[in-house]
Protein backbone atom coordinates (compact mmCIF):
# COMPACT_ATOMS: atom_id res chain seq x y z
CA MET A 1 124.23 108.65 122.21
CA ASN A 2 123.11 108.02 125.76
CA GLY A 3 122.30 104.33 125.26
CA LYS A 4 118.89 105.12 123.79
CA MET A 5 118.12 104.76 120.11
CA GLU A 6 117.41 108.05 118.41
CA PHE A 7 114.99 108.30 115.53
CA SER A 8 115.43 111.27 113.20
CA HIS A 9 111.85 111.02 111.93
CA LEU A 10 110.34 111.91 115.32
CA ASP A 11 110.02 115.44 116.66
CA GLU A 12 110.36 116.47 120.33
CA GLN A 13 106.79 115.32 121.01
CA LYS A 14 107.56 111.92 119.37
CA LYS A 15 105.34 112.72 116.37
CA ALA A 16 106.34 111.61 112.88
CA ARG A 17 107.99 114.26 110.72
CA MET A 18 109.99 114.60 107.56
CA VAL A 19 113.61 115.41 108.41
CA ASP A 20 114.68 118.91 107.33
CA VAL A 21 117.79 118.52 105.13
CA THR A 22 117.97 122.17 104.06
CA GLY A 23 121.27 122.80 105.85
CA LYS A 24 123.05 119.75 104.45
CA GLU A 25 125.48 120.13 101.58
CA PRO A 26 124.80 117.94 98.55
CA SER A 27 127.20 115.02 98.21
CA PHE A 28 127.53 111.78 96.26
CA ARG A 29 125.40 109.01 97.74
CA GLU A 30 124.94 105.40 96.72
CA ALA A 31 123.03 102.45 98.15
CA VAL A 32 122.93 98.77 97.23
CA ALA A 33 120.10 96.45 98.30
CA LEU A 34 119.52 92.74 97.77
CA GLY A 35 116.47 90.54 97.89
CA THR A 36 115.57 86.97 97.02
CA VAL A 37 112.64 85.41 95.20
CA ARG A 38 112.23 81.71 96.06
CA MET A 39 110.29 79.43 93.75
CA LYS A 40 110.29 75.95 92.26
CA PRO A 41 113.53 75.17 90.41
CA GLU A 42 111.51 74.57 87.22
CA THR A 43 110.06 78.09 87.49
CA VAL A 44 113.58 79.57 87.56
CA ARG A 45 114.47 77.49 84.50
CA ALA A 46 111.29 78.63 82.71
CA ILE A 47 112.22 82.26 83.41
CA GLU A 48 115.75 81.70 82.06
CA GLU A 49 114.46 79.91 78.95
CA GLY A 50 111.72 82.44 78.16
CA GLY A 51 108.98 79.95 78.97
CA ILE A 52 106.72 82.22 81.02
CA ALA A 53 103.52 83.11 79.15
CA LYS A 54 103.56 86.80 80.16
CA GLY A 55 106.93 87.40 78.50
CA ASP A 56 110.51 88.28 79.46
CA VAL A 57 110.19 88.24 83.25
CA LEU A 58 113.57 89.75 84.13
CA ALA A 59 113.36 92.52 81.53
CA VAL A 60 109.96 93.60 82.86
CA ALA A 61 111.14 93.26 86.49
CA ARG A 62 114.19 95.45 85.70
CA ILE A 63 111.97 98.21 84.31
CA ALA A 64 109.58 97.88 87.25
CA GLY A 65 112.50 98.16 89.70
CA VAL A 66 113.69 101.36 88.04
CA MET A 67 110.17 102.78 88.13
CA GLY A 68 109.79 101.75 91.78
CA ALA A 69 113.00 103.53 92.82
CA LYS A 70 111.80 106.70 91.09
CA ARG A 71 108.41 106.52 92.85
CA THR A 72 109.72 105.84 96.38
CA PRO A 73 108.60 109.17 97.89
CA ASP A 74 105.08 108.47 96.58
CA LEU A 75 105.05 105.19 98.51
CA ILE A 76 107.03 105.90 101.71
CA PRO A 77 105.57 108.97 103.46
CA MET A 78 108.72 110.49 104.99
CA CYS A 79 111.06 109.99 102.00
CA HIS A 80 112.30 113.09 100.23
CA PRO A 81 111.83 113.39 96.46
CA LEU A 82 115.33 112.99 95.03
CA GLU A 83 117.11 113.62 91.78
CA ILE A 84 118.28 110.08 91.15
CA THR A 85 121.33 110.04 88.88
CA GLY A 86 121.62 106.30 88.34
CA ILE A 87 119.70 103.06 88.90
CA GLU A 88 120.93 99.57 88.11
CA ILE A 89 118.91 96.40 88.64
CA GLY A 90 120.65 93.04 88.31
CA PHE A 91 119.61 89.41 88.68
CA ARG A 92 121.43 86.19 89.56
CA SER A 93 119.63 82.91 89.00
CA PHE A 94 120.20 79.81 91.10
CA PRO A 95 117.92 77.18 89.47
CA GLU A 96 119.32 74.32 91.58
CA ARG A 97 118.00 75.96 94.75
CA GLY A 98 114.99 77.70 93.17
CA GLU A 99 116.10 81.29 93.72
CA ILE A 100 116.59 84.53 91.88
CA GLU A 101 118.59 87.18 93.69
CA ILE A 102 117.86 90.82 92.87
CA GLU A 103 120.35 93.64 93.34
CA GLY A 104 119.33 97.28 93.20
CA ARG A 105 121.98 100.03 93.07
CA VAL A 106 120.87 103.67 93.23
CA ARG A 107 122.99 106.84 93.07
CA THR A 108 122.39 110.55 93.56
CA VAL A 109 124.16 113.76 94.39
CA GLY A 110 121.96 115.20 97.08
CA ARG A 111 121.27 116.04 100.71
CA THR A 112 119.91 112.65 101.77
CA GLY A 113 120.61 109.02 100.97
CA VAL A 114 119.04 106.54 98.56
CA GLU A 115 118.71 103.47 100.78
CA MET A 116 114.91 103.45 100.57
CA GLU A 117 115.05 103.84 96.78
CA ALA A 118 117.40 100.84 96.46
CA MET A 119 115.21 98.65 98.69
CA THR A 120 112.03 99.80 96.94
CA ALA A 121 113.60 98.94 93.57
CA VAL A 122 114.35 95.41 94.79
CA GLY A 123 110.88 94.99 96.32
CA ILE A 124 109.04 96.14 93.20
CA ALA A 125 111.23 93.96 90.95
CA ALA A 126 110.46 90.98 93.23
CA LEU A 127 106.72 91.71 93.15
CA THR A 128 106.88 91.88 89.36
CA ILE A 129 108.55 88.46 89.17
CA TYR A 130 105.78 87.10 91.39
CA ASP A 131 103.07 88.72 89.27
CA MET A 132 104.47 87.37 86.02
CA CYS A 133 105.00 83.83 87.36
CA LYS A 134 102.11 83.29 89.79
CA SER A 135 100.06 81.25 87.32
CA ALA A 136 102.96 78.79 87.00
CA ASP A 137 103.98 78.73 90.68
CA ARG A 138 101.68 79.79 93.55
CA GLU A 139 104.32 79.10 96.20
CA ILE A 140 106.72 81.92 95.30
CA VAL A 141 108.18 83.70 98.33
CA LEU A 142 109.72 87.18 98.37
CA THR A 143 112.32 87.37 101.11
CA ASP A 144 115.40 88.97 102.65
CA ILE A 145 115.20 92.48 101.21
CA ARG A 146 118.07 94.26 102.91
CA LEU A 147 120.53 97.10 102.61
CA MET A 148 123.98 95.78 101.71
CA GLU A 149 125.95 99.02 101.30
CA LYS A 150 125.53 102.74 101.54
CA ARG A 151 128.04 105.46 100.83
CA GLY A 152 128.04 109.19 101.44
CA GLY A 153 126.46 111.58 103.84
CA LYS A 154 127.18 112.37 107.48
CA SER A 155 126.94 108.76 108.64
CA GLY A 156 129.55 107.62 106.10
CA THR A 157 129.89 104.13 104.70
CA PHE A 158 127.96 101.03 105.77
CA VAL A 159 128.81 97.58 104.40
CA ARG A 160 126.93 94.50 105.62
CA ASN A 161 129.20 91.53 106.24
CA VAL A 162 128.37 87.95 105.25
CA GLN A 163 126.89 87.14 108.66
CA GLY A 164 124.31 89.90 108.20
CA GLN A 165 125.92 92.29 110.68
CA HIS A 166 127.39 95.65 109.74
CA LYS A 167 131.04 96.59 109.94
């Protein structure tokens, strides 16, 4: 690079385009994203104890996250439709600080990565938690959706360190 940032989704005239991945060889790719849902500590406890009127919040959010990852190219204009080979959605509850952390892990064997699918999975799972709990807690905040790891492809491996910077 010449000191300038280069954006692969812009053509020579700086117009948006979908990147052509025809010439790339398929390879294993994986991405992990995290996000946080902040709420009242009693809301986290109600979720854990099954006390939310709409039902099992985390089970529904897990399904929604999987569906979101699969629908990413329908939501993000320049994303390629991918054959996703695996999606895992996990949750960690921290009632004492009023947080639920969401992890989305997406895998494929393909010509382009699954970072957007992992982050979309986390975002849709977070929105589902909000939707199911909003009548109990109007102050829920969805925050810090970020890529934590990616593996595969020409750019190799990325792992975010604890300070939020990449290695």
